[in-house]
PDB file of N, CA and C in Angstrom:
ATOM      1  N   UNK A   1     -20.720   3.972  42.478  1.00  0.00           N
ATOM      2  CA  UNK A   1     -20.584   4.692  41.220  1.00  0.00           C
ATOM      3  C   UNK A   1     -21.912   4.610  40.481  1.00  0.00           C
ATOM      4  N   UNK A   2     -22.337   5.725  39.960  1.00  0.00           N
ATOM      5  CA  UNK A   2     -23.613   5.801  39.260  1.00  0.00           C
ATOM      6  C   UNK A   2     -23.353   6.007  37.776  1.00  0.00           C
ATOM      7  N   UNK A   3     -24.030   5.260  36.923  1.00  0.00           N
ATOM      8  CA  UNK A   3     -23.850   5.356  35.481  1.00  0.00           C
ATOM      9  C   UNK A   3     -25.000   6.139  34.878  1.00  0.00           C
ATOM     10  N   UNK A   4     -24.660   7.168  34.093  1.00  0.00           N
ATOM     11  CA  UNK A   4     -25.666   7.954  33.405  1.00  0.00           C
ATOM     12  C   UNK A   4     -25.546   7.721  31.912  1.00  0.00           C
ATOM     13  N   UNK A   5     -26.669   7.669  31.242  1.00  0.00           N
ATOM     14  CA  UNK A   5     -26.679   7.551  29.791  1.00  0.00           C
ATOM     15  C   UNK A   5     -26.914   8.933  29.222  1.00  0.00           C
ATOM     16  N   UNK A   6     -26.071   9.339  28.267  1.00  0.00           N
ATOM     17  CA  UNK A   6     -26.103  10.706  27.749  1.00  0.00           C
ATOM     18  C   UNK A   6     -27.412  11.040  27.068  1.00  0.00           C
ATOM     19  N   UNK A   7     -28.058  10.078  26.423  1.00  0.00           N
ATOM     20  CA  UNK A   7     -29.323  10.352  25.736  1.00  0.00           C
ATOM     21  C   UNK A   7     -30.445  10.658  26.723  1.00  0.00           C
ATOM     22  N   UNK A   8     -30.349  10.130  27.949  1.00  0.00           N
ATOM     23  CA  UNK A   8     -31.365  10.389  28.958  1.00  0.00           C
ATOM     24  C   UNK A   8     -31.210  11.778  29.574  1.00  0.00           C
ATOM     25  N   UNK A   9     -29.983  12.255  29.668  1.00  0.00           N
ATOM     26  CA  UNK A   9     -29.720  13.537  30.332  1.00  0.00           C
ATOM     27  C   UNK A   9     -28.835  14.409  29.449  1.00  0.00           C
ATOM     28  N   UNK A  10     -29.329  15.004  28.375  1.00  0.00           N
ATOM     29  CA  UNK A  10     -28.468  15.798  27.504  1.00  0.00           C
ATOM     30  C   UNK A  10     -27.958  17.067  28.174  1.00  0.00           C
ATOM     31  N   UNK A  11     -28.751  17.675  29.082  1.00  0.00           N
ATOM     32  CA  UNK A  11     -28.327  18.890  29.747  1.00  0.00           C
ATOM     33  C   UNK A  11     -27.150  18.619  30.683  1.00  0.00           C
ATOM     34  N   UNK A  12     -27.183  17.516  31.387  1.00  0.00           N
ATOM     35  CA  UNK A  12     -26.103  17.156  32.315  1.00  0.00           C
ATOM     36  C   UNK A  12     -24.830  16.875  31.532  1.00  0.00           C
ATOM     37  N   UNK A  13     -24.962  16.199  30.416  1.00  0.00           N
ATOM     38  CA  UNK A  13     -23.794  15.869  29.602  1.00  0.00           C
ATOM     39  C   UNK A  13     -23.097  17.133  29.103  1.00  0.00           C
ATOM     40  N   UNK A  14     -23.834  18.124  28.661  1.00  0.00           N
ATOM     41  CA  UNK A  14     -23.238  19.354  28.132  1.00  0.00           C
ATOM     42  C   UNK A  14     -22.570  20.151  29.253  1.00  0.00           C
ATOM     43  N   UNK A  15     -23.270  20.366  30.381  1.00  0.00           N
ATOM     44  CA  UNK A  15     -22.731  21.206  31.460  1.00  0.00           C
ATOM     45  C   UNK A  15     -21.512  20.573  32.122  1.00  0.00           C
ATOM     46  N   UNK A  16     -21.605  19.318  32.490  1.00  0.00           N
ATOM     47  CA  UNK A  16     -20.486  18.673  33.174  1.00  0.00           C
ATOM     48  C   UNK A  16     -19.361  18.278  32.213  1.00  0.00           C
ATOM     49  N   UNK A  17     -19.713  18.078  30.966  1.00  0.00           N
ATOM     50  CA  UNK A  17     -18.698  17.720  29.981  1.00  0.00           C
ATOM     51  C   UNK A  17     -17.750  18.871  29.710  1.00  0.00           C
ATOM     52  N   UNK A  18     -18.259  20.099  29.711  1.00  0.00           N
ATOM     53  CA  UNK A  18     -17.397  21.263  29.483  1.00  0.00           C
ATOM     54  C   UNK A  18     -16.425  21.468  30.638  1.00  0.00           C
ATOM     55  N   UNK A  19     -16.837  21.138  31.843  1.00  0.00           N
ATOM     56  CA  UNK A  19     -15.969  21.318  33.008  1.00  0.00           C
ATOM     57  C   UNK A  19     -15.130  20.073  33.299  1.00  0.00           C
ATOM     58  N   UNK A  20     -15.193  19.106  32.412  1.00  0.00           N
ATOM     59  CA  UNK A  20     -14.425  17.860  32.516  1.00  0.00           C
ATOM     60  C   UNK A  20     -14.737  17.086  33.792  1.00  0.00           C
ATOM     61  N   UNK A  21     -16.015  17.105  34.164  1.00  0.00           N
ATOM     62  CA  UNK A  21     -16.445  16.330  35.316  1.00  0.00           C
ATOM     63  C   UNK A  21     -17.007  14.978  34.911  1.00  0.00           C
ATOM     64  N   UNK A  22     -17.317  14.825  33.638  1.00  0.00           N
ATOM     65  CA  UNK A  22     -17.799  13.549  33.118  1.00  0.00           C
ATOM     66  C   UNK A  22     -16.785  12.981  32.150  1.00  0.00           C
ATOM     67  N   UNK A  23     -16.728  11.697  32.090  1.00  0.00           N
ATOM     68  CA  UNK A  23     -15.848  11.021  31.146  1.00  0.00           C
ATOM     69  C   UNK A  23     -16.710  10.109  30.283  1.00  0.00           C
ATOM     70  N   UNK A  24     -16.603  10.273  28.972  1.00  0.00           N
ATOM     71  CA  UNK A  24     -17.394   9.464  28.051  1.00  0.00           C
ATOM     72  C   UNK A  24     -16.664   8.158  27.793  1.00  0.00           C
ATOM     73  N   UNK A  25     -17.361   7.056  27.982  1.00  0.00           N
ATOM     74  CA  UNK A  25     -16.789   5.719  27.788  1.00  0.00           C
ATOM     75  C   UNK A  25     -17.640   4.987  26.769  1.00  0.00           C
ATOM     76  N   UNK A  26     -16.987   4.382  25.785  1.00  0.00           N
ATOM     77  CA  UNK A  26     -17.681   3.591  24.779  1.00  0.00           C
ATOM     78  C   UNK A  26     -17.480   2.113  25.101  1.00  0.00           C
ATOM     79  N   UNK A  27     -18.575   1.395  25.181  1.00  0.00           N
ATOM     80  CA  UNK A  27     -18.508  -0.035  25.487  1.00  0.00           C
ATOM     81  C   UNK A  27     -18.979  -0.800  24.250  1.00  0.00           C
ATOM     82  N   UNK A  28     -18.136  -1.705  23.777  1.00  0.00           N
ATOM     83  CA  UNK A  28     -18.473  -2.537  22.623  1.00  0.00           C
ATOM     84  C   UNK A  28     -18.637  -3.978  23.094  1.00  0.00           C
ATOM     85  N   UNK A  29     -19.635  -4.650  22.568  1.00  0.00           N
ATOM     86  CA  UNK A  29     -19.839  -6.052  22.923  1.00  0.00           C
ATOM     87  C   UNK A  29     -20.119  -6.852  21.660  1.00  0.00           C
ATOM     88  N   UNK A  30     -19.766  -8.123  21.704  1.00  0.00           N
ATOM     89  CA  UNK A  30     -19.948  -9.024  20.577  1.00  0.00           C
ATOM     90  C   UNK A  30     -20.669 -10.276  21.055  1.00  0.00           C
ATOM     91  N   UNK A  31     -21.479 -10.827  20.189  1.00  0.00           N
ATOM     92  CA  UNK A  31     -22.168 -12.081  20.481  1.00  0.00           C
ATOM     93  C   UNK A  31     -21.605 -13.130  19.536  1.00  0.00           C
ATOM     94  N   UNK A  32     -21.025 -14.186  20.102  1.00  0.00           N
ATOM     95  CA  UNK A  32     -20.432 -15.263  19.316  1.00  0.00           C
ATOM     96  C   UNK A  32     -21.309 -16.506  19.413  1.00  0.00           C
ATOM     97  N   UNK A  33     -21.493 -17.161  18.285  1.00  0.00           N
ATOM     98  CA  UNK A  33     -22.244 -18.406  18.271  1.00  0.00           C
ATOM     99  C   UNK A  33     -21.638 -19.334  17.222  1.00  0.00           C
ATOM    100  N   UNK A  34     -21.984 -20.592  17.310  1.00  0.00           N
ATOM    101  CA  UNK A  34     -21.446 -21.589  16.397  1.00  0.00           C
ATOM    102  C   UNK A  34     -22.087 -21.433  15.025  1.00  0.00           C
ATOM    103  N   UNK A  35     -21.220 -21.421  13.988  1.00  0.00           N
ATOM    104  CA  UNK A  35     -21.707 -21.308  12.624  1.00  0.00           C
ATOM    105  C   UNK A  35     -21.811 -22.661  11.951  1.00  0.00           C
ATOM    106  N   UNK A  36     -22.198 -22.696  10.685  1.00  0.00           N
ATOM    107  CA  UNK A  36     -22.364 -23.976   9.979  1.00  0.00           C
ATOM    108  C   UNK A  36     -21.038 -24.707   9.755  1.00  0.00           C
ATOM    109  N   UNK A  37     -19.911 -23.999   9.760  1.00  0.00           N
ATOM    110  CA  UNK A  37     -18.605 -24.626   9.538  1.00  0.00           C
ATOM    111  C   UNK A  37     -17.877 -24.934  10.843  1.00  0.00           C
ATOM    112  N   UNK A  38     -18.564 -24.863  11.974  1.00  0.00           N
ATOM    113  CA  UNK A  38     -17.930 -25.066  13.274  1.00  0.00           C
ATOM    114  C   UNK A  38     -17.461 -26.503  13.446  1.00  0.00           C
ATOM    115  N   UNK A  39     -16.241 -26.670  13.957  1.00  0.00           N
ATOM    116  CA  UNK A  39     -15.697 -27.993  14.280  1.00  0.00           C
ATOM    117  C   UNK A  39     -14.724 -27.822  15.436  1.00  0.00           C
ATOM    118  N   UNK A  40     -14.609 -28.808  16.281  1.00  0.00           N
ATOM    119  CA  UNK A  40     -13.717 -28.714  17.427  1.00  0.00           C
ATOM    120  C   UNK A  40     -12.257 -28.910  17.027  1.00  0.00           C
ATOM    121  N   UNK A  41     -12.013 -29.530  15.906  1.00  0.00           N
ATOM    122  CA  UNK A  41     -10.648 -29.707  15.420  1.00  0.00           C
ATOM    123  C   UNK A  41     -10.478 -28.907  14.126  1.00  0.00           C
ATOM    124  N   UNK A  42      -9.297 -28.389  13.943  1.00  0.00           N
ATOM    125  CA  UNK A  42      -9.006 -27.623  12.740  1.00  0.00           C
ATOM    126  C   UNK A  42      -8.633 -28.575  11.604  1.00  0.00           C
ATOM    127  N   UNK A  43      -9.234 -28.373  10.468  1.00  0.00           N
ATOM    128  CA  UNK A  43      -8.885 -29.173   9.302  1.00  0.00           C
ATOM    129  C   UNK A  43      -8.152 -28.284   8.313  1.00  0.00           C
ATOM    130  N   UNK A  44      -7.100 -28.814   7.766  1.00  0.00           N
ATOM    131  CA  UNK A  44      -6.305 -28.054   6.802  1.00  0.00           C
ATOM    132  C   UNK A  44      -6.967 -28.168   5.430  1.00  0.00           C
ATOM    133  N   UNK A  45      -7.206 -27.012   4.807  1.00  0.00           N
ATOM    134  CA  UNK A  45      -7.800 -27.005   3.478  1.00  0.00           C
ATOM    135  C   UNK A  45      -6.733 -27.325   2.441  1.00  0.00           C
ATOM    136  N   UNK A  46      -7.087 -28.095   1.455  1.00  0.00           N
ATOM    137  CA  UNK A  46      -6.153 -28.454   0.387  1.00  0.00           C
ATOM    138  C   UNK A  46      -6.002 -27.281  -0.573  1.00  0.00           C
ATOM    139  N   UNK A  47      -4.787 -27.108  -1.079  1.00  0.00           N
ATOM    140  CA  UNK A  47      -4.531 -26.009  -2.014  1.00  0.00           C
ATOM    141  C   UNK A  47      -4.313 -26.505  -3.435  1.00  0.00           C
ATOM    142  N   UNK A  48      -3.798 -27.713  -3.578  1.00  0.00           N
ATOM    143  CA  UNK A  48      -3.492 -28.238  -4.912  1.00  0.00           C
ATOM    144  C   UNK A  48      -4.210 -29.562  -5.143  1.00  0.00           C
ATOM    145  N   UNK A  49      -4.583 -29.772  -6.365  1.00  0.00           N
ATOM    146  CA  UNK A  49      -5.192 -31.028  -6.782  1.00  0.00           C
ATOM    147  C   UNK A  49      -4.095 -31.891  -7.400  1.00  0.00           C
ATOM    148  N   UNK A  50      -3.834 -33.048  -6.804  1.00  0.00           N
ATOM    149  CA  UNK A  50      -2.750 -33.917  -7.276  1.00  0.00           C
ATOM    150  C   UNK A  50      -3.302 -35.089  -8.066  1.00  0.00           C
ATOM    151  N   UNK A  51      -2.404 -35.801  -8.724  1.00  0.00           N
ATOM    152  CA  UNK A  51      -2.789 -36.977  -9.509  1.00  0.00           C
ATOM    153  C   UNK A  51      -3.324 -38.077  -8.598  1.00  0.00           C
ATOM    154  N   UNK A  52      -2.728 -38.222  -7.416  1.00  0.00           N
ATOM    155  CA  UNK A  52      -3.193 -39.249  -6.474  1.00  0.00           C
ATOM    156  C   UNK A  52      -4.630 -38.990  -6.032  1.00  0.00           C
ATOM    157  N   UNK A  53      -4.971 -37.729  -5.813  1.00  0.00           N
ATOM    158  CA  UNK A  53      -6.342 -37.396  -5.410  1.00  0.00           C
ATOM    159  C   UNK A  53      -7.331 -37.742  -6.514  1.00  0.00           C
ATOM    160  N   UNK A  54      -6.940 -37.492  -7.750  1.00  0.00           N
ATOM    161  CA  UNK A  54      -7.832 -37.788  -8.873  1.00  0.00           C
ATOM    162  C   UNK A  54      -7.954 -39.288  -9.108  1.00  0.00           C
ATOM    163  N   UNK A  55      -6.864 -40.021  -8.937  1.00  0.00           N
ATOM    164  CA  UNK A  55      -6.885 -41.465  -9.181  1.00  0.00           C
ATOM    165  C   UNK A  55      -7.717 -42.190  -8.129  1.00  0.00           C
ATOM    166  N   UNK A  56      -7.632 -41.754  -6.871  1.00  0.00           N
ATOM    167  CA  UNK A  56      -8.350 -42.426  -5.783  1.00  0.00           C
ATOM    168  C   UNK A  56      -9.710 -41.786  -5.495  1.00  0.00           C
ATOM    169  N   UNK A  57     -10.086 -40.775  -6.226  1.00  0.00           N
ATOM    170  CA  UNK A  57     -11.355 -40.041  -6.041  1.00  0.00           C
ATOM    171  C   UNK A  57     -11.447 -39.413  -4.654  1.00  0.00           C
ATOM    172  N   UNK A  58     -10.314 -39.034  -4.082  1.00  0.00           N
ATOM    173  CA  UNK A  58     -10.303 -38.367  -2.776  1.00  0.00           C
ATOM    174  C   UNK A  58     -10.770 -36.911  -2.884  1.00  0.00           C
ATOM    175  N   UNK A  59     -10.652 -36.337  -4.056  1.00  0.00           N
ATOM    176  CA  UNK A  59     -10.967 -34.919  -4.218  1.00  0.00           C
ATOM    177  C   UNK A  59     -12.446 -34.625  -3.980  1.00  0.00           C
ATOM    178  N   UNK A  60     -13.300 -35.652  -4.050  1.00  0.00           N
ATOM    179  CA  UNK A  60     -14.730 -35.454  -3.827  1.00  0.00           C
ATOM    180  C   UNK A  60     -15.042 -35.163  -2.362  1.00  0.00           C
ATOM    181  N   UNK A  61     -14.226 -35.721  -1.458  1.00  0.00           N
ATOM    182  CA  UNK A  61     -14.473 -35.567  -0.023  1.00  0.00           C
ATOM    183  C   UNK A  61     -13.697 -34.411   0.599  1.00  0.00           C
ATOM    184  N   UNK A  62     -12.671 -33.916  -0.074  1.00  0.00           N
ATOM    185  CA  UNK A  62     -11.819 -32.875   0.498  1.00  0.00           C
ATOM    186  C   UNK A  62     -12.390 -31.488   0.249  1.00  0.00           C
ATOM    187  N   UNK A  63     -12.008 -30.570   1.119  1.00  0.00           N
ATOM    188  CA  UNK A  63     -12.375 -29.162   0.947  1.00  0.00           C
ATOM    189  C   UNK A  63     -11.129 -28.410   0.486  1.00  0.00           C
ATOM    190  N   UNK A  64     -11.313 -27.589  -0.522  1.00  0.00           N
ATOM    191  CA  UNK A  64     -10.190 -26.867  -1.104  1.00  0.00           C
ATOM    192  C   UNK A  64     -10.249 -25.394  -0.735  1.00  0.00           C
ATOM    193  N   UNK A  65      -9.078 -24.818  -0.620  1.00  0.00           N
ATOM    194  CA  UNK A  65      -8.939 -23.393  -0.307  1.00  0.00           C
ATOM    195  C   UNK A  65      -9.309 -22.572  -1.542  1.00  0.00           C
ATOM    196  N   UNK A  66     -10.042 -21.489  -1.329  1.00  0.00           N
ATOM    197  CA  UNK A  66     -10.449 -20.628  -2.450  1.00  0.00           C
ATOM    198  C   UNK A  66      -9.244 -19.828  -2.948  1.00  0.00           C
ATOM    199  N   UNK A  67      -9.155 -19.660  -4.236  1.00  0.00           N
ATOM    200  CA  UNK A  67      -8.069 -18.888  -4.836  1.00  0.00           C
ATOM    201  C   UNK A  67      -8.467 -17.429  -4.928  1.00  0.00           C
ATOM    202  N   UNK A  68      -7.528 -16.546  -4.609  1.00  0.00           N
ATOM    203  CA  UNK A  68      -7.753 -15.113  -4.754  1.00  0.00           C
ATOM    204  C   UNK A  68      -7.072 -14.677  -6.044  1.00  0.00           C
ATOM    205  N   UNK A  69      -7.852 -14.486  -7.079  1.00  0.00           N
ATOM    206  CA  UNK A  69      -7.298 -14.135  -8.384  1.00  0.00           C
ATOM    207  C   UNK A  69      -7.071 -12.634  -8.539  1.00  0.00           C
ATOM    208  N   UNK A  70      -7.414 -11.848  -7.539  1.00  0.00           N
ATOM    209  CA  UNK A  70      -7.229 -10.399  -7.605  1.00  0.00           C
ATOM    210  C   UNK A  70      -5.893  -9.939  -7.028  1.00  0.00           C
ATOM    211  N   UNK A  71      -5.086 -10.859  -6.511  1.00  0.00           N
ATOM    212  CA  UNK A  71      -3.802 -10.462  -5.944  1.00  0.00           C
ATOM    213  C   UNK A  71      -2.817 -10.137  -7.047  1.00  0.00           C
ATOM    214  N   UNK A  72      -1.817  -9.327  -6.712  1.00  0.00           N
ATOM    215  CA  UNK A  72      -0.828  -8.908  -7.699  1.00  0.00           C
ATOM    216  C   UNK A  72       0.261  -9.953  -7.923  1.00  0.00           C
ATOM    217  N   UNK A  73       0.490 -10.804  -6.970  1.00  0.00           N
ATOM    218  CA  UNK A  73       1.536 -11.805  -7.119  1.00  0.00           C
ATOM    219  C   UNK A  73       2.883 -11.270  -6.673  1.00  0.00           C
ATOM    220  N   UNK A  74       3.895 -12.100  -6.763  1.00  0.00           N
ATOM    221  CA  UNK A  74       5.243 -11.710  -6.349  1.00  0.00           C
ATOM    222  C   UNK A  74       5.847 -10.777  -7.396  1.00  0.00           C
ATOM    223  N   UNK A  75       6.494  -9.705  -6.949  1.00  0.00           N
ATOM    224  CA  UNK A  75       7.115  -8.807  -7.930  1.00  0.00           C
ATOM    225  C   UNK A  75       8.309  -9.490  -8.600  1.00  0.00           C
ATOM    226  N   UNK A  76       8.531  -9.242  -9.877  1.00  0.00           N
ATOM    227  CA  UNK A  76       9.661  -9.870 -10.558  1.00  0.00           C
ATOM    228  C   UNK A  76      10.982  -9.330 -10.016  1.00  0.00           C
ATOM    229  N   UNK A  77      11.970 -10.187  -9.975  1.00  0.00           N
ATOM    230  CA  UNK A  77      13.277  -9.743  -9.490  1.00  0.00           C
ATOM    231  C   UNK A  77      13.895  -8.812 -10.525  1.00  0.00           C
ATOM    232  N   UNK A  78      14.470  -7.730 -10.053  1.00  0.00           N
ATOM    233  CA  UNK A  78      15.060  -6.750 -10.957  1.00  0.00           C
ATOM    234  C   UNK A  78      16.314  -6.181 -10.321  1.00  0.00           C
ATOM    235  N   UNK A  79      16.976  -5.304 -11.036  1.00  0.00           N
ATOM    236  CA  UNK A  79      18.168  -4.672 -10.498  1.00  0.00           C
ATOM    237  C   UNK A  79      19.345  -4.725 -11.445  1.00  0.00           C
ATOM    238  N   UNK A  80      19.202  -5.339 -12.592  1.00  0.00           N
ATOM    239  CA  UNK A  80      20.293  -5.413 -13.553  1.00  0.00           C
ATOM    240  C   UNK A  80      20.044  -4.431 -14.680  1.00  0.00           C
ATOM    241  N   UNK A  81      21.129  -3.799 -15.133  1.00  0.00           N
ATOM    242  CA  UNK A  81      21.022  -2.883 -16.261  1.00  0.00           C
ATOM    243  C   UNK A  81      21.031  -3.651 -17.577  1.00  0.00           C
ATOM    244  N   UNK A  82      20.380  -3.081 -18.552  1.00  0.00           N
ATOM    245  CA  UNK A  82      20.398  -3.636 -19.892  1.00  0.00           C
ATOM    246  C   UNK A  82      21.818  -3.523 -20.436  1.00  0.00           C
ATOM    247  N   UNK A  83      22.304  -4.486 -21.222  1.00  0.00           N
ATOM    248  CA  UNK A  83      23.684  -4.422 -21.728  1.00  0.00           C
ATOM    249  C   UNK A  83      23.997  -3.135 -22.495  1.00  0.00           C
ATOM    250  N   UNK A  84      23.042  -2.609 -23.248  1.00  0.00           N
ATOM    251  CA  UNK A  84      23.295  -1.351 -23.958  1.00  0.00           C
ATOM    252  C   UNK A  84      23.446  -0.177 -23.007  1.00  0.00           C
ATOM    253  N   UNK A  85      22.726  -0.207 -21.894  1.00  0.00           N
ATOM    254  CA  UNK A  85      22.887   0.858 -20.900  1.00  0.00           C
ATOM    255  C   UNK A  85      24.249   0.771 -20.227  1.00  0.00           C
ATOM    256  N   UNK A  86      24.758  -0.451 -20.039  1.00  0.00           N
ATOM    257  CA  UNK A  86      26.093  -0.613 -19.472  1.00  0.00           C
ATOM    258  C   UNK A  86      27.144  -0.029 -20.404  1.00  0.00           C
ATOM    259  N   UNK A  87      27.017  -0.312 -21.700  1.00  0.00           N
ATOM    260  CA  UNK A  87      27.973   0.219 -22.689  1.00  0.00           C
ATOM    261  C   UNK A  87      27.886   1.739 -22.719  1.00  0.00           C
ATOM    262  N   UNK A  88      26.676   2.274 -22.680  1.00  0.00           N
ATOM    263  CA  UNK A  88      26.513   3.725 -22.707  1.00  0.00           C
ATOM    264  C   UNK A  88      27.151   4.378 -21.493  1.00  0.00           C
ATOM    265  N   UNK A  89      26.984   3.767 -20.318  1.00  0.00           N
ATOM    266  CA  UNK A  89      27.586   4.352 -19.115  1.00  0.00           C
ATOM    267  C   UNK A  89      29.115   4.257 -19.155  1.00  0.00           C
ATOM    268  N   UNK A  90      29.668   3.187 -19.751  1.00  0.00           N
ATOM    269  CA  UNK A  90      31.128   3.089 -19.887  1.00  0.00           C
ATOM    270  C   UNK A  90      31.661   4.176 -20.824  1.00  0.00           C
ATOM    271  N   UNK A  91      30.999   4.380 -21.971  1.00  0.00           N
ATOM    272  CA  UNK A  91      31.415   5.448 -22.893  1.00  0.00           C
ATOM    273  C   UNK A  91      31.308   6.814 -22.230  1.00  0.00           C
ATOM    274  N   UNK A  92      30.253   7.026 -21.489  1.00  0.00           N
ATOM    275  CA  UNK A  92      30.074   8.311 -20.815  1.00  0.00           C
ATOM    276  C   UNK A  92      31.208   8.552 -19.826  1.00  0.00           C
ATOM    277  N   UNK A  93      31.575   7.521 -19.073  1.00  0.00           N
ATOM    278  CA  UNK A  93      32.667   7.662 -18.106  1.00  0.00           C
ATOM    279  C   UNK A  93      33.989   7.950 -18.814  1.00  0.00           C
ATOM    280  N   UNK A  94      34.231   7.300 -19.955  1.00  0.00           N
ATOM    281  CA  UNK A  94      35.465   7.552 -20.718  1.00  0.00           C
ATOM    282  C   UNK A  94      35.505   8.994 -21.195  1.00  0.00           C
ATOM    283  N   UNK A  95      34.407   9.491 -21.750  1.00  0.00           N
ATOM    284  CA  UNK A  95      34.377  10.869 -22.236  1.00  0.00           C
ATOM    285  C   UNK A  95      34.483  11.881 -21.095  1.00  0.00           C
ATOM    286  N   UNK A  96      33.924  11.546 -19.938  1.00  0.00           N
ATOM    287  CA  UNK A  96      34.057  12.458 -18.801  1.00  0.00           C
ATOM    288  C   UNK A  96      35.504  12.536 -18.324  1.00  0.00           C
ATOM    289  N   UNK A  97      36.228  11.437 -18.411  1.00  0.00           N
ATOM    290  CA  UNK A  97      37.640  11.443 -18.021  1.00  0.00           C
ATOM    291  C   UNK A  97      38.501  12.188 -19.025  1.00  0.00           C
ATOM    292  N   UNK A  98      38.085  12.265 -20.292  1.00  0.00           N
ATOM    293  CA  UNK A  98      38.865  12.945 -21.336  1.00  0.00           C
ATOM    294  C   UNK A  98      38.619  14.453 -21.358  1.00  0.00           C
ATOM    295  N   UNK A  99      37.661  14.970 -20.621  1.00  0.00           N
ATOM    296  CA  UNK A  99      37.350  16.397 -20.670  1.00  0.00           C
ATOM    297  C   UNK A  99      38.539  17.231 -20.210  1.00  0.00           C
ATOM    298  N   UNK A 100      38.790  18.342 -20.870  1.00  0.00           N
ATOM    299  CA  UNK A 100      39.906  19.200 -20.461  1.00  0.00           C
ATOM    300  C   UNK A 100      39.522  20.207 -19.387  1.00  0.00           C
ATOM    301  N   UNK A 101      38.351  20.090 -18.826  1.00  0.00           N
ATOM    302  CA  UNK A 101      37.915  21.071 -17.840  1.00  0.00           C
ATOM    303  C   UNK A 101      38.106  20.541 -16.428  1.00  0.00           C
ATOM    304  N   UNK A 102      38.544  21.467 -15.559  1.00  0.00           N
ATOM    305  CA  UNK A 102      38.771  21.138 -14.156  1.00  0.00           C
ATOM    306  C   UNK A 102      38.085  22.195 -13.315  1.00  0.00           C
ATOM    307  N   UNK A 103      37.571  21.801 -12.185  1.00  0.00           N
ATOM    308  CA  UNK A 103      36.922  22.762 -11.307  1.00  0.00           C
ATOM    309  C   UNK A 103      37.988  23.571 -10.590  1.00  0.00           C
ATOM    310  N   UNK A 104      37.844  24.869 -10.646  1.00  0.00           N
ATOM    311  CA  UNK A 104      38.769  25.783 -10.000  1.00  0.00           C
ATOM    312  C   UNK A 104      38.389  25.891  -8.527  1.00  0.00           C
ATOM    313  N   UNK A 105      39.357  25.729  -7.622  1.00  0.00           N
ATOM    314  CA  UNK A 105      39.069  25.734  -6.191  1.00  0.00           C
ATOM    315  C   UNK A 105      38.744  27.135  -5.681  1.00  0.00           C
ATOM    316  N   UNK A 106      39.329  28.178  -6.290  1.00  0.00           N
ATOM    317  CA  UNK A 106      39.086  29.533  -5.805  1.00  0.00           C
ATOM    318  C   UNK A 106      37.741  30.061  -6.271  1.00  0.00           C
ATOM    319  N   UNK A 107      37.373  29.753  -7.482  1.00  0.00           N
ATOM    320  CA  UNK A 107      36.104  30.227  -8.023  1.00  0.00           C
ATOM    321  C   UNK A 107      35.165  29.040  -8.205  1.00  0.00           C
ATOM    322  N   UNK A 108      33.911  29.327  -8.401  1.00  0.00           N
ATOM    323  CA  UNK A 108      32.937  28.245  -8.539  1.00  0.00           C
ATOM    324  C   UNK A 108      32.642  27.926 -10.001  1.00  0.00           C
ATOM    325  N   UNK A 109      33.505  28.350 -10.929  1.00  0.00           N
ATOM    326  CA  UNK A 109      33.278  28.028 -12.331  1.00  0.00           C
ATOM    327  C   UNK A 109      34.416  27.137 -12.829  1.00  0.00           C
ATOM    328  N   UNK A 110      34.265  26.567 -14.001  1.00  0.00           N
ATOM    329  CA  UNK A 110      35.268  25.661 -14.543  1.00  0.00           C
ATOM    330  C   UNK A 110      36.155  26.391 -15.539  1.00  0.00           C
ATOM    331  N   UNK A 111      37.401  26.008 -15.589  1.00  0.00           N
ATOM    332  CA  UNK A 111      38.357  26.583 -16.543  1.00  0.00           C
ATOM    333  C   UNK A 111      39.006  25.453 -17.321  1.00  0.00           C
ATOM    334  N   UNK A 112      39.608  25.771 -18.423  1.00  0.00           N
ATOM    335  CA  UNK A 112      40.248  24.775 -19.264  1.00  0.00           C
ATOM    336  C   UNK A 112      41.670  24.522 -18.793  1.00  0.00           C
ATOM    337  N   UNK A 113      42.156  23.272 -18.890  1.00  0.00           N
ATOM    338  CA  UNK A 113      43.519  22.940 -18.546  1.00  0.00           C
ATOM    339  C   UNK A 113      44.474  23.498 -19.600  1.00  0.00           C
ATOM    340  N   UNK A 114      43.983  23.769 -20.772  1.00  0.00           N
ATOM    341  CA  UNK A 114      44.818  24.211 -21.877  1.00  0.00           C
ATOM    342  C   UNK A 114      45.496  25.551 -21.572  1.00  0.00           C
ATOM    343  N   UNK A 115      44.796  26.435 -20.853  1.00  0.00           N
ATOM    344  CA  UNK A 115      45.311  27.759 -20.586  1.00  0.00           C
ATOM    345  C   UNK A 115      46.171  27.839 -19.342  1.00  0.00           C
ATOM    346  N   UNK A 116      46.359  26.800 -18.609  1.00  0.00           N
ATOM    347  CA  UNK A 116      47.140  26.853 -17.370  1.00  0.00           C
ATOM    348  C   UNK A 116      48.614  26.768 -17.650  1.00  0.00           C
TER     349      UNK A 116
END
């Protein structure tokens, strides 16, 4: 198998590419190396500062996790109606039950029960 680079042969890439005789492949590579924080064992970062850490001066040697102050936080729990809205919906239901209008099955308009 012979590998061609498209920048070296632009004419070949155009002619064979239109006839689907060439297949373009993208190759990505990464170089990994040890950074300044490299360690063979994982250390757990502390999230909270406790009274024991302050009393024993342990907080000077520990590494703490950075706080992300741009997060939105947990959404507040919701789903309950305000008591006044509950009363309003109860009154509305009572008044809807007291209406003298009934839907007529033959026609698509409403008529009064009074005239039946």
